[in-house]
Amino acid sequence: MKTSFAMAAGIFSTLLIIGTVYADTAYADCGTSHAASDPHKMGRIATISFQDMDADKNGGVNFQEFKATFPRTRQPGFDMLDKDKDGELNMVEWEAFKDAHKGMGSYKDKPKTT
């Protein structure tokens, strides 16, 4: 019973984070024609490098740097991803964000890099 509750709470938290980060994005639009321009669609999140987002190369991604890549992001959504509340995403927080999106769109079919 405790395991089921913990799993349900984890799923709910992930959905809440995703919903907050993409507050103006309906889940039904995944895979539609605007997918090419939206990083979270069609597996593009898998191709985004933490280092590329870190414009000032300080080892963290602040809200403005994150929003440059994910323009639909709202501050409260970013704040939920920033688990240590230091105002920036670190590599661990970035990986958790990517893991939360594995089931969306074609993430599992991420483009091959050469």
PDB file of N, CA and C in Angstrom:
ATOM      1  N   MET A   1       0.823  -1.194   0.000  1.00  0.00           N
ATOM      2  CA  MET A   1       0.000   0.000   0.000  1.00  0.00           C
ATOM      3  C   MET A   1       0.869   1.261   0.000  1.00  0.00           C
ATOM      4  N   LYS A   2       1.919   1.286   0.853  1.00  0.00           N
ATOM      5  CA  LYS A   2       2.794   2.451   0.903  1.00  0.00           C
ATOM      6  C   LYS A   2       3.524   2.648  -0.424  1.00  0.00           C
ATOM      7  N   THR A   3       3.923   1.535  -1.050  1.00  0.00           N
ATOM      8  CA  THR A   3       4.618   1.610  -2.332  1.00  0.00           C
ATOM      9  C   THR A   3       3.705   2.197  -3.398  1.00  0.00           C
ATOM     10  N   SER A   4       2.454   1.751  -3.437  1.00  0.00           N
ATOM     11  CA  SER A   4       1.498   2.266  -4.422  1.00  0.00           C
ATOM     12  C   SER A   4       1.275   3.762  -4.230  1.00  0.00           C
ATOM     13  N   PHE A   5       1.152   4.171  -2.968  1.00  0.00           N
ATOM     14  CA  PHE A   5       0.956   5.591  -2.687  1.00  0.00           C
ATOM     15  C   PHE A   5       2.181   6.393  -3.110  1.00  0.00           C
ATOM     16  N   ALA A   6       3.368   5.888  -2.819  1.00  0.00           N
ATOM     17  CA  ALA A   6       4.605   6.583  -3.190  1.00  0.00           C
ATOM     18  C   ALA A   6       4.720   6.702  -4.708  1.00  0.00           C
ATOM     19  N   MET A   7       4.376   5.632  -5.423  1.00  0.00           N
ATOM     20  CA  MET A   7       4.425   5.672  -6.888  1.00  0.00           C
ATOM     21  C   MET A   7       3.430   6.694  -7.429  1.00  0.00           C
ATOM     22  N   ALA A   8       2.211   6.693  -6.880  1.00  0.00           N
ATOM     23  CA  ALA A   8       1.191   7.641  -7.329  1.00  0.00           C
ATOM     24  C   ALA A   8       1.626   9.070  -7.043  1.00  0.00           C
ATOM     25  N   ALA A   9       2.219   9.289  -5.875  1.00  0.00           N
ATOM     26  CA  ALA A   9       2.695  10.628  -5.522  1.00  0.00           C
ATOM     27  C   ALA A   9       3.815  11.060  -6.459  1.00  0.00           C
ATOM     28  N   GLY A  10       4.710  10.138  -6.812  1.00  0.00           N
ATOM     29  CA  GLY A  10       5.798  10.450  -7.737  1.00  0.00           C
ATOM     30  C   GLY A  10       5.284  10.812  -9.107  1.00  0.00           C
ATOM     31  N   ILE A  11       4.315  10.055  -9.603  1.00  0.00           N
ATOM     32  CA  ILE A  11       3.721  10.335 -10.913  1.00  0.00           C
ATOM     33  C   ILE A  11       3.019  11.688 -10.890  1.00  0.00           C
ATOM     34  N   PHE A  12       2.261  11.949  -9.822  1.00  0.00           N
ATOM     35  CA  PHE A  12       1.563  13.222  -9.699  1.00  0.00           C
ATOM     36  C   PHE A  12       2.553  14.385  -9.678  1.00  0.00           C
ATOM     37  N   SER A  13       3.652  14.248  -8.931  1.00  0.00           N
ATOM     38  CA  SER A  13       4.664  15.310  -8.854  1.00  0.00           C
ATOM     39  C   SER A  13       5.263  15.594 -10.219  1.00  0.00           C
ATOM     40  N   THR A  14       5.586  14.528 -10.946  1.00  0.00           N
ATOM     41  CA  THR A  14       6.165  14.700 -12.272  1.00  0.00           C
ATOM     42  C   THR A  14       5.190  15.430 -13.194  1.00  0.00           C
ATOM     43  N   LEU A  15       3.928  15.030 -13.167  1.00  0.00           N
ATOM     44  CA  LEU A  15       2.928  15.691 -14.005  1.00  0.00           C
ATOM     45  C   LEU A  15       2.736  17.140 -13.599  1.00  0.00           C
ATOM     46  N   LEU A  16       2.798  17.419 -12.306  1.00  0.00           N
ATOM     47  CA  LEU A  16       2.662  18.784 -11.826  1.00  0.00           C
ATOM     48  C   LEU A  16       3.823  19.642 -12.323  1.00  0.00           C
ATOM     49  N   ILE A  17       5.039  19.112 -12.262  1.00  0.00           N
ATOM     50  CA  ILE A  17       6.210  19.842 -12.744  1.00  0.00           C
ATOM     51  C   ILE A  17       6.088  20.117 -14.238  1.00  0.00           C
ATOM     52  N   ILE A  18       5.755  19.089 -14.986  1.00  0.00           N
ATOM     53  CA  ILE A  18       5.627  19.242 -16.435  1.00  0.00           C
ATOM     54  C   ILE A  18       4.530  20.251 -16.758  1.00  0.00           C
ATOM     55  N   GLY A  19       3.408  20.153 -16.067  1.00  0.00           N
ATOM     56  CA  GLY A  19       2.297  21.081 -16.300  1.00  0.00           C
ATOM     57  C   GLY A  19       2.651  22.509 -15.957  1.00  0.00           C
ATOM     58  N   THR A  20       3.442  22.691 -14.908  1.00  0.00           N
ATOM     59  CA  THR A  20       3.836  24.034 -14.511  1.00  0.00           C
ATOM     60  C   THR A  20       4.859  24.610 -15.472  1.00  0.00           C
ATOM     61  N   VAL A  21       5.840  23.801 -15.858  1.00  0.00           N
ATOM     62  CA  VAL A  21       6.860  24.280 -16.789  1.00  0.00           C
ATOM     63  C   VAL A  21       6.227  24.669 -18.111  1.00  0.00           C
ATOM     64  N   TYR A  22       5.294  23.872 -18.571  1.00  0.00           N
ATOM     65  CA  TYR A  22       4.626  24.136 -19.847  1.00  0.00           C
ATOM     66  C   TYR A  22       3.185  24.564 -19.602  1.00  0.00           C
ATOM     67  N   ALA A  23       3.014  25.609 -18.833  1.00  0.00           N
ATOM     68  CA  ALA A  23       1.690  26.046 -18.407  1.00  0.00           C
ATOM     69  C   ALA A  23       0.759  26.374 -19.560  1.00  0.00           C
ATOM     70  N   ASP A  24       1.287  26.835 -20.666  1.00  0.00           N
ATOM     71  CA  ASP A  24       0.407  27.187 -21.779  1.00  0.00           C
ATOM     72  C   ASP A  24       0.489  26.174 -22.919  1.00  0.00           C
ATOM     73  N   THR A  25       0.949  24.965 -22.621  1.00  0.00           N
ATOM     74  CA  THR A  25       1.054  23.919 -23.631  1.00  0.00           C
ATOM     75  C   THR A  25       0.098  22.784 -23.271  1.00  0.00           C
ATOM     76  N   ALA A  26      -0.812  22.455 -24.164  1.00  0.00           N
ATOM     77  CA  ALA A  26      -1.711  21.327 -23.933  1.00  0.00           C
ATOM     78  C   ALA A  26      -0.971  20.042 -24.274  1.00  0.00           C
ATOM     79  N   TYR A  27      -1.176  18.999 -23.476  1.00  0.00           N
ATOM     80  CA  TYR A  27      -0.515  17.729 -23.743  1.00  0.00           C
ATOM     81  C   TYR A  27      -0.915  17.160 -25.093  1.00  0.00           C
ATOM     82  N   ALA A  28      -2.117  17.463 -25.541  1.00  0.00           N
ATOM     83  CA  ALA A  28      -2.605  16.914 -26.802  1.00  0.00           C
ATOM     84  C   ALA A  28      -1.829  17.430 -28.008  1.00  0.00           C
ATOM     85  N   ASP A  29      -1.042  18.504 -27.840  1.00  0.00           N
ATOM     86  CA  ASP A  29      -0.358  19.045 -29.004  1.00  0.00           C
ATOM     87  C   ASP A  29       0.977  18.368 -29.277  1.00  0.00           C
ATOM     88  N   CYS A  30       1.379  17.409 -28.474  1.00  0.00           N
ATOM     89  CA  CYS A  30       2.642  16.710 -28.718  1.00  0.00           C
ATOM     90  C   CYS A  30       2.592  16.042 -30.090  1.00  0.00           C
ATOM     91  N   GLY A  31       3.607  16.276 -30.868  1.00  0.00           N
ATOM     92  CA  GLY A  31       3.707  15.649 -32.173  1.00  0.00           C
ATOM     93  C   GLY A  31       3.022  16.392 -33.294  1.00  0.00           C
ATOM     94  N   THR A  32       2.484  17.571 -33.018  1.00  0.00           N
ATOM     95  CA  THR A  32       1.834  18.327 -34.083  1.00  0.00           C
ATOM     96  C   THR A  32       2.876  19.107 -34.874  1.00  0.00           C
ATOM     97  N   SER A  33       2.434  19.845 -35.862  1.00  0.00           N
ATOM     98  CA  SER A  33       3.360  20.480 -36.797  1.00  0.00           C
ATOM     99  C   SER A  33       4.326  21.469 -36.166  1.00  0.00           C
ATOM    100  N   HIS A  34       4.011  22.067 -35.021  1.00  0.00           N
ATOM    101  CA  HIS A  34       4.942  23.004 -34.403  1.00  0.00           C
ATOM    102  C   HIS A  34       6.030  22.301 -33.605  1.00  0.00           C
ATOM    103  N   ALA A  35       6.064  20.990 -33.656  1.00  0.00           N
ATOM    104  CA  ALA A  35       7.044  20.216 -32.895  1.00  0.00           C
ATOM    105  C   ALA A  35       8.479  20.589 -33.226  1.00  0.00           C
ATOM    106  N   ALA A  36       8.748  20.941 -34.467  1.00  0.00           N
ATOM    107  CA  ALA A  36      10.120  21.255 -34.863  1.00  0.00           C
ATOM    108  C   ALA A  36      10.650  22.490 -34.149  1.00  0.00           C
ATOM    109  N   SER A  37       9.776  23.402 -33.751  1.00  0.00           N
ATOM    110  CA  SER A  37      10.239  24.630 -33.111  1.00  0.00           C
ATOM    111  C   SER A  37      10.168  24.566 -31.586  1.00  0.00           C
ATOM    112  N   ASP A  38       9.597  23.534 -31.027  1.00  0.00           N
ATOM    113  CA  ASP A  38       9.421  23.429 -29.578  1.00  0.00           C
ATOM    114  C   ASP A  38      10.328  22.332 -29.040  1.00  0.00           C
ATOM    115  N   PRO A  39      11.320  22.667 -28.208  1.00  0.00           N
ATOM    116  CA  PRO A  39      12.313  21.694 -27.752  1.00  0.00           C
ATOM    117  C   PRO A  39      11.750  20.469 -27.044  1.00  0.00           C
ATOM    118  N   HIS A  40      10.575  20.584 -26.405  1.00  0.00           N
ATOM    119  CA  HIS A  40      10.083  19.415 -25.678  1.00  0.00           C
ATOM    120  C   HIS A  40       9.321  18.450 -26.569  1.00  0.00           C
ATOM    121  N   LYS A  41       9.071  18.833 -27.792  1.00  0.00           N
ATOM    122  CA  LYS A  41       8.327  17.987 -28.716  1.00  0.00           C
ATOM    123  C   LYS A  41       9.239  17.063 -29.503  1.00  0.00           C
ATOM    124  N   MET A  42       8.723  15.937 -29.880  1.00  0.00           N
ATOM    125  CA  MET A  42       9.364  15.017 -30.815  1.00  0.00           C
ATOM    126  C   MET A  42      10.787  14.636 -30.408  1.00  0.00           C
ATOM    127  N   GLY A  43      11.039  14.558 -29.118  1.00  0.00           N
ATOM    128  CA  GLY A  43      12.322  14.076 -28.652  1.00  0.00           C
ATOM    129  C   GLY A  43      13.455  15.078 -28.708  1.00  0.00           C
ATOM    130  N   ARG A  44      13.185  16.329 -29.041  1.00  0.00           N
ATOM    131  CA  ARG A  44      14.268  17.312 -29.148  1.00  0.00           C
ATOM    132  C   ARG A  44      14.955  17.574 -27.822  1.00  0.00           C
ATOM    133  N   ILE A  45      14.278  17.336 -26.696  1.00  0.00           N
ATOM    134  CA  ILE A  45      14.927  17.579 -25.407  1.00  0.00           C
ATOM    135  C   ILE A  45      16.178  16.717 -25.272  1.00  0.00           C
ATOM    136  N   ALA A  46      16.177  15.538 -25.869  1.00  0.00           N
ATOM    137  CA  ALA A  46      17.328  14.640 -25.782  1.00  0.00           C
ATOM    138  C   ALA A  46      18.539  15.200 -26.507  1.00  0.00           C
ATOM    139  N   THR A  47      18.323  16.133 -27.416  1.00  0.00           N
ATOM    140  CA  THR A  47      19.429  16.681 -28.198  1.00  0.00           C
ATOM    141  C   THR A  47      19.967  17.982 -27.613  1.00  0.00           C
ATOM    142  N   ILE A  48      19.335  18.494 -26.563  1.00  0.00           N
ATOM    143  CA  ILE A  48      19.741  19.762 -25.970  1.00  0.00           C
ATOM    144  C   ILE A  48      20.831  19.515 -24.936  1.00  0.00           C
ATOM    145  N   SER A  49      21.917  20.200 -25.091  1.00  0.00           N
ATOM    146  CA  SER A  49      23.063  20.046 -24.206  1.00  0.00           C
ATOM    147  C   SER A  49      22.988  21.036 -23.042  1.00  0.00           C
ATOM    148  N   PHE A  50      23.260  20.553 -21.851  1.00  0.00           N
ATOM    149  CA  PHE A  50      23.338  21.407 -20.668  1.00  0.00           C
ATOM    150  C   PHE A  50      24.370  22.509 -20.898  1.00  0.00           C
ATOM    151  N   GLN A  51      25.506  22.136 -21.456  1.00  0.00           N
ATOM    152  CA  GLN A  51      26.583  23.092 -21.692  1.00  0.00           C
ATOM    153  C   GLN A  51      26.164  24.182 -22.685  1.00  0.00           C
ATOM    154  N   ASP A  52      25.365  23.822 -23.680  1.00  0.00           N
ATOM    155  CA  ASP A  52      24.898  24.821 -24.640  1.00  0.00           C
ATOM    156  C   ASP A  52      23.927  25.812 -23.993  1.00  0.00           C
ATOM    157  N   MET A  53      23.118  25.347 -23.050  1.00  0.00           N
ATOM    158  CA  MET A  53      22.194  26.247 -22.353  1.00  0.00           C
ATOM    159  C   MET A  53      22.934  27.183 -21.405  1.00  0.00           C
ATOM    160  N   ASP A  54      24.042  26.728 -20.854  1.00  0.00           N
ATOM    161  CA  ASP A  54      24.823  27.493 -19.883  1.00  0.00           C
ATOM    162  C   ASP A  54      25.610  28.589 -20.621  1.00  0.00           C
ATOM    163  N   ALA A  55      24.895  29.646 -21.008  1.00  0.00           N
ATOM    164  CA  ALA A  55      25.474  30.702 -21.843  1.00  0.00           C
ATOM    165  C   ALA A  55      26.669  31.401 -21.197  1.00  0.00           C
ATOM    166  N   ASP A  56      26.627  31.612 -19.891  1.00  0.00           N
ATOM    167  CA  ASP A  56      27.741  32.300 -19.232  1.00  0.00           C
ATOM    168  C   ASP A  56      28.836  31.342 -18.748  1.00  0.00           C
ATOM    169  N   LYS A  57      28.641  30.053 -19.021  1.00  0.00           N
ATOM    170  CA  LYS A  57      29.641  29.002 -18.726  1.00  0.00           C
ATOM    171  C   LYS A  57      30.094  28.971 -17.261  1.00  0.00           C
ATOM    172  N   ASN A  58      29.114  29.196 -16.353  1.00  0.00           N
ATOM    173  CA  ASN A  58      29.439  29.154 -14.931  1.00  0.00           C
ATOM    174  C   ASN A  58      29.111  27.810 -14.285  1.00  0.00           C
ATOM    175  N   GLY A  59      28.666  26.846 -15.069  1.00  0.00           N
ATOM    176  CA  GLY A  59      28.356  25.517 -14.548  1.00  0.00           C
ATOM    177  C   GLY A  59      26.926  25.338 -14.077  1.00  0.00           C
ATOM    178  N   GLY A  60      26.090  26.368 -14.243  1.00  0.00           N
ATOM    179  CA  GLY A  60      24.676  26.303 -13.879  1.00  0.00           C
ATOM    180  C   GLY A  60      23.836  26.988 -14.933  1.00  0.00           C
ATOM    181  N   VAL A  61      22.567  26.615 -14.987  1.00  0.00           N
ATOM    182  CA  VAL A  61      21.640  27.211 -15.950  1.00  0.00           C
ATOM    183  C   VAL A  61      20.590  27.988 -15.171  1.00  0.00           C
ATOM    184  N   ASN A  62      20.617  29.322 -15.284  1.00  0.00           N
ATOM    185  CA  ASN A  62      19.635  30.138 -14.574  1.00  0.00           C
ATOM    186  C   ASN A  62      18.327  30.198 -15.369  1.00  0.00           C
ATOM    187  N   PHE A  63      17.333  30.870 -14.815  1.00  0.00           N
ATOM    188  CA  PHE A  63      16.015  30.925 -15.443  1.00  0.00           C
ATOM    189  C   PHE A  63      16.084  31.521 -16.851  1.00  0.00           C
ATOM    190  N   GLN A  64      16.807  32.616 -17.027  1.00  0.00           N
ATOM    191  CA  GLN A  64      16.875  33.256 -18.341  1.00  0.00           C
ATOM    192  C   GLN A  64      17.535  32.351 -19.377  1.00  0.00           C
ATOM    193  N   GLU A  65      18.589  31.637 -18.974  1.00  0.00           N
ATOM    194  CA  GLU A  65      19.255  30.710 -19.890  1.00  0.00           C
ATOM    195  C   GLU A  65      18.314  29.551 -20.250  1.00  0.00           C
ATOM    196  N   PHE A  66      17.583  29.037 -19.265  1.00  0.00           N
ATOM    197  CA  PHE A  66      16.639  27.949 -19.500  1.00  0.00           C
ATOM    198  C   PHE A  66      15.511  28.421 -20.410  1.00  0.00           C
ATOM    199  N   LYS A  67      15.005  29.615 -20.146  1.00  0.00           N
ATOM    200  CA  LYS A  67      13.895  30.175 -20.939  1.00  0.00           C
ATOM    201  C   LYS A  67      14.316  30.446 -22.383  1.00  0.00           C
ATOM    202  N   ALA A  68      15.596  30.727 -22.615  1.00  0.00           N
ATOM    203  CA  ALA A  68      16.069  30.927 -23.984  1.00  0.00           C
ATOM    204  C   ALA A  68      15.891  29.654 -24.809  1.00  0.00           C
ATOM    205  N   THR A  69      15.999  28.507 -24.164  1.00  0.00           N
ATOM    206  CA  THR A  69      15.810  27.229 -24.847  1.00  0.00           C
ATOM    207  C   THR A  69      14.359  26.768 -24.784  1.00  0.00           C
ATOM    208  N   PHE A  70      13.703  27.008 -23.656  1.00  0.00           N
ATOM    209  CA  PHE A  70      12.315  26.596 -23.428  1.00  0.00           C
ATOM    210  C   PHE A  70      11.468  27.850 -23.199  1.00  0.00           C
ATOM    211  N   PRO A  71      11.110  28.560 -24.274  1.00  0.00           N
ATOM    212  CA  PRO A  71      10.453  29.865 -24.135  1.00  0.00           C
ATOM    213  C   PRO A  71       9.111  29.857 -23.420  1.00  0.00           C
ATOM    214  N   ARG A  72       8.458  28.744 -23.339  1.00  0.00           N
ATOM    215  CA  ARG A  72       7.155  28.694 -22.672  1.00  0.00           C
ATOM    216  C   ARG A  72       7.267  28.504 -21.162  1.00  0.00           C
ATOM    217  N   THR A  73       8.470  28.372 -20.672  1.00  0.00           N
ATOM    218  CA  THR A  73       8.696  28.148 -19.256  1.00  0.00           C
ATOM    219  C   THR A  73       8.295  29.369 -18.437  1.00  0.00           C
ATOM    220  N   ARG A  74       7.669  29.107 -17.308  1.00  0.00           N
ATOM    221  CA  ARG A  74       7.320  30.141 -16.335  1.00  0.00           C
ATOM    222  C   ARG A  74       8.239  29.985 -15.125  1.00  0.00           C
ATOM    223  N   GLN A  75       8.479  31.065 -14.414  1.00  0.00           N
ATOM    224  CA  GLN A  75       9.366  31.040 -13.254  1.00  0.00           C
ATOM    225  C   GLN A  75       8.957  29.982 -12.222  1.00  0.00           C
ATOM    226  N   PRO A  76       7.671  29.836 -11.879  1.00  0.00           N
ATOM    227  CA  PRO A  76       7.313  28.808 -10.886  1.00  0.00           C
ATOM    228  C   PRO A  76       7.690  27.388 -11.332  1.00  0.00           C
ATOM    229  N   GLY A  77       7.590  27.120 -12.621  1.00  0.00           N
ATOM    230  CA  GLY A  77       7.978  25.799 -13.130  1.00  0.00           C
ATOM    231  C   GLY A  77       9.469  25.581 -13.005  1.00  0.00           C
ATOM    232  N   PHE A  78      10.239  26.588 -13.359  1.00  0.00           N
ATOM    233  CA  PHE A  78      11.692  26.503 -13.221  1.00  0.00           C
ATOM    234  C   PHE A  78      12.062  26.310 -11.753  1.00  0.00           C
ATOM    235  N   ASP A  79      11.398  27.043 -10.875  1.00  0.00           N
ATOM    236  CA  ASP A  79      11.691  26.942  -9.440  1.00  0.00           C
ATOM    237  C   ASP A  79      11.446  25.532  -8.912  1.00  0.00           C
ATOM    238  N   MET A  80      10.445  24.844  -9.463  1.00  0.00           N
ATOM    239  CA  MET A  80      10.188  23.460  -9.044  1.00  0.00           C
ATOM    240  C   MET A  80      11.304  22.526  -9.500  1.00  0.00           C
ATOM    241  N   LEU A  81      11.906  22.818 -10.635  1.00  0.00           N
ATOM    242  CA  LEU A  81      13.007  21.992 -11.132  1.00  0.00           C
ATOM    243  C   LEU A  81      14.295  22.238 -10.345  1.00  0.00           C
ATOM    244  N   ASP A  82      14.440  23.432  -9.824  1.00  0.00           N
ATOM    245  CA  ASP A  82      15.622  23.841  -9.062  1.00  0.00           C
ATOM    246  C   ASP A  82      15.497  23.302  -7.631  1.00  0.00           C
ATOM    247  N   LYS A  83      15.805  22.032  -7.470  1.00  0.00           N
ATOM    248  CA  LYS A  83      15.581  21.335  -6.196  1.00  0.00           C
ATOM    249  C   LYS A  83      16.374  21.919  -5.037  1.00  0.00           C
ATOM    250  N   ASP A  84      17.595  22.402  -5.294  1.00  0.00           N
ATOM    251  CA  ASP A  84      18.402  22.938  -4.188  1.00  0.00           C
ATOM    252  C   ASP A  84      18.162  24.437  -3.969  1.00  0.00           C
ATOM    253  N   LYS A  85      17.264  25.015  -4.752  1.00  0.00           N
ATOM    254  CA  LYS A  85      16.818  26.398  -4.607  1.00  0.00           C
ATOM    255  C   LYS A  85      17.955  27.416  -4.628  1.00  0.00           C
ATOM    256  N   ASP A  86      18.953  27.175  -5.485  1.00  0.00           N
ATOM    257  CA  ASP A  86      20.066  28.119  -5.602  1.00  0.00           C
ATOM    258  C   ASP A  86      19.904  29.069  -6.794  1.00  0.00           C
ATOM    259  N   GLY A  87      18.766  28.982  -7.488  1.00  0.00           N
ATOM    260  CA  GLY A  87      18.504  29.877  -8.615  1.00  0.00           C
ATOM    261  C   GLY A  87      19.024  29.379  -9.947  1.00  0.00           C
ATOM    262  N   GLU A  88      19.649  28.200  -9.949  1.00  0.00           N
ATOM    263  CA  GLU A  88      20.186  27.628 -11.181  1.00  0.00           C
ATOM    264  C   GLU A  88      19.974  26.119 -11.179  1.00  0.00           C
ATOM    265  N   LEU A  89      19.845  25.577 -12.392  1.00  0.00           N
ATOM    266  CA  LEU A  89      19.826  24.125 -12.522  1.00  0.00           C
ATOM    267  C   LEU A  89      21.257  23.641 -12.626  1.00  0.00           C
ATOM    268  N   ASN A  90      21.554  22.559 -11.910  1.00  0.00           N
ATOM    269  CA  ASN A  90      22.847  21.907 -12.065  1.00  0.00           C
ATOM    270  C   ASN A  90      22.634  20.669 -12.930  1.00  0.00           C
ATOM    271  N   MET A  91      23.683  19.935 -13.193  1.00  0.00           N
ATOM    272  CA  MET A  91      23.590  18.775 -14.081  1.00  0.00           C
ATOM    273  C   MET A  91      22.611  17.726 -13.531  1.00  0.00           C
ATOM    274  N   VAL A  92      22.599  17.496 -12.236  1.00  0.00           N
ATOM    275  CA  VAL A  92      21.689  16.510 -11.628  1.00  0.00           C
ATOM    276  C   VAL A  92      20.238  16.935 -11.845  1.00  0.00           C
ATOM    277  N   GLU A  93      19.938  18.212 -11.634  1.00  0.00           N
ATOM    278  CA  GLU A  93      18.575  18.714 -11.824  1.00  0.00           C
ATOM    279  C   GLU A  93      18.181  18.654 -13.298  1.00  0.00           C
ATOM    280  N   TRP A  94      19.123  18.931 -14.206  1.00  0.00           N
ATOM    281  CA  TRP A  94      18.865  18.840 -15.641  1.00  0.00           C
ATOM    282  C   TRP A  94      18.532  17.398 -16.033  1.00  0.00           C
ATOM    283  N   GLU A  95      19.311  16.447 -15.529  1.00  0.00           N
ATOM    284  CA  GLU A  95      19.059  15.033 -15.835  1.00  0.00           C
ATOM    285  C   GLU A  95      17.694  14.598 -15.303  1.00  0.00           C
ATOM    286  N   ALA A  96      17.303  15.085 -14.135  1.00  0.00           N
ATOM    287  CA  ALA A  96      15.974  14.767 -13.583  1.00  0.00           C
ATOM    288  C   ALA A  96      14.879  15.332 -14.485  1.00  0.00           C
ATOM    289  N   PHE A  97      15.092  16.537 -15.016  1.00  0.00           N
ATOM    290  CA  PHE A  97      14.137  17.145 -15.951  1.00  0.00           C
ATOM    291  C   PHE A  97      14.004  16.281 -17.200  1.00  0.00           C
ATOM    292  N   LYS A  98      15.135  15.853 -17.750  1.00  0.00           N
ATOM    293  CA  LYS A  98      15.099  14.994 -18.940  1.00  0.00           C
ATOM    294  C   LYS A  98      14.400  13.670 -18.643  1.00  0.00           C
ATOM    295  N   ASP A  99      14.695  13.070 -17.497  1.00  0.00           N
ATOM    296  CA  ASP A  99      14.052  11.808 -17.128  1.00  0.00           C
ATOM    297  C   ASP A  99      12.535  11.961 -17.013  1.00  0.00           C
ATOM    298  N   ALA A 100      12.082  13.115 -16.538  1.00  0.00           N
ATOM    299  CA  ALA A 100      10.644  13.360 -16.398  1.00  0.00           C
ATOM    300  C   ALA A 100       9.944  13.432 -17.746  1.00  0.00           C
ATOM    301  N   HIS A 101      10.692  13.657 -18.819  1.00  0.00           N
ATOM    302  CA  HIS A 101      10.108  13.787 -20.155  1.00  0.00           C
ATOM    303  C   HIS A 101      10.280  12.547 -21.025  1.00  0.00           C
ATOM    304  N   LYS A 102      10.801  11.484 -20.488  1.00  0.00           N
ATOM    305  CA  LYS A 102      11.068  10.297 -21.313  1.00  0.00           C
ATOM    306  C   LYS A 102       9.834   9.735 -21.992  1.00  0.00           C
ATOM    307  N   GLY A 103       8.676   9.859 -21.411  1.00  0.00           N
ATOM    308  CA  GLY A 103       7.475   9.294 -22.012  1.00  0.00           C
ATOM    309  C   GLY A 103       6.756  10.229 -22.954  1.00  0.00           C
ATOM    310  N   MET A 104       7.271  11.435 -23.141  1.00  0.00           N
ATOM    311  CA  MET A 104       6.556  12.425 -23.959  1.00  0.00           C
ATOM    312  C   MET A 104       7.032  12.390 -25.405  1.00  0.00           C
ATOM    313  N   GLY A 105       6.110  12.516 -26.312  1.00  0.00           N
ATOM    314  CA  GLY A 105       6.452  12.587 -27.727  1.00  0.00           C
ATOM    315  C   GLY A 105       7.264  11.389 -28.146  1.00  0.00           C
ATOM    316  N   SER A 106       8.317  11.610 -28.899  1.00  0.00           N
ATOM    317  CA  SER A 106       9.163  10.528 -29.395  1.00  0.00           C
ATOM    318  C   SER A 106      10.505  10.510 -28.708  1.00  0.00           C
ATOM    319  N   TYR A 107      10.548  10.853 -27.435  1.00  0.00           N
ATOM    320  CA  TYR A 107      11.808  10.910 -26.700  1.00  0.00           C
ATOM    321  C   TYR A 107      12.581   9.608 -26.849  1.00  0.00           C
ATOM    322  N   LYS A 108      11.861   8.482 -26.762  1.00  0.00           N
ATOM    323  CA  LYS A 108      12.546   7.184 -26.853  1.00  0.00           C
ATOM    324  C   LYS A 108      13.207   6.984 -28.215  1.00  0.00           C
ATOM    325  N   ASP A 109      12.747   7.728 -29.213  1.00  0.00           N
ATOM    326  CA  ASP A 109      13.316   7.649 -30.554  1.00  0.00           C
ATOM    327  C   ASP A 109      14.192   8.864 -30.838  1.00  0.00           C
ATOM    328  N   LYS A 110      14.965   9.292 -29.833  1.00  0.00           N
ATOM    329  CA  LYS A 110      15.759  10.512 -29.986  1.00  0.00           C
ATOM    330  C   LYS A 110      16.675  10.412 -31.204  1.00  0.00           C
ATOM    331  N   PRO A 111      16.893  11.545 -31.825  1.00  0.00           N
ATOM    332  CA  PRO A 111      17.759  11.549 -33.020  1.00  0.00           C
ATOM    333  C   PRO A 111      19.153  11.065 -32.682  1.00  0.00           C
ATOM    334  N   LYS A 112      19.752  10.350 -33.604  1.00  0.00           N
ATOM    335  CA  LYS A 112      21.127   9.868 -33.425  1.00  0.00           C
ATOM    336  C   LYS A 112      22.086  11.019 -33.638  1.00  0.00           C
ATOM    337  N   THR A 113      23.124  11.067 -32.802  1.00  0.00           N
ATOM    338  CA  THR A 113      24.155  12.081 -32.988  1.00  0.00           C
ATOM    339  C   THR A 113      25.385  11.424 -33.585  1.00  0.00           C
ATOM    340  N   THR A 114      26.081  12.180 -34.408  1.00  0.00           N
ATOM    341  CA  THR A 114      27.284  11.615 -35.054  1.00  0.00           C
ATOM    342  C   THR A 114      28.530  12.284 -34.546  1.00  0.00           C
TER     343      THR A 114
END
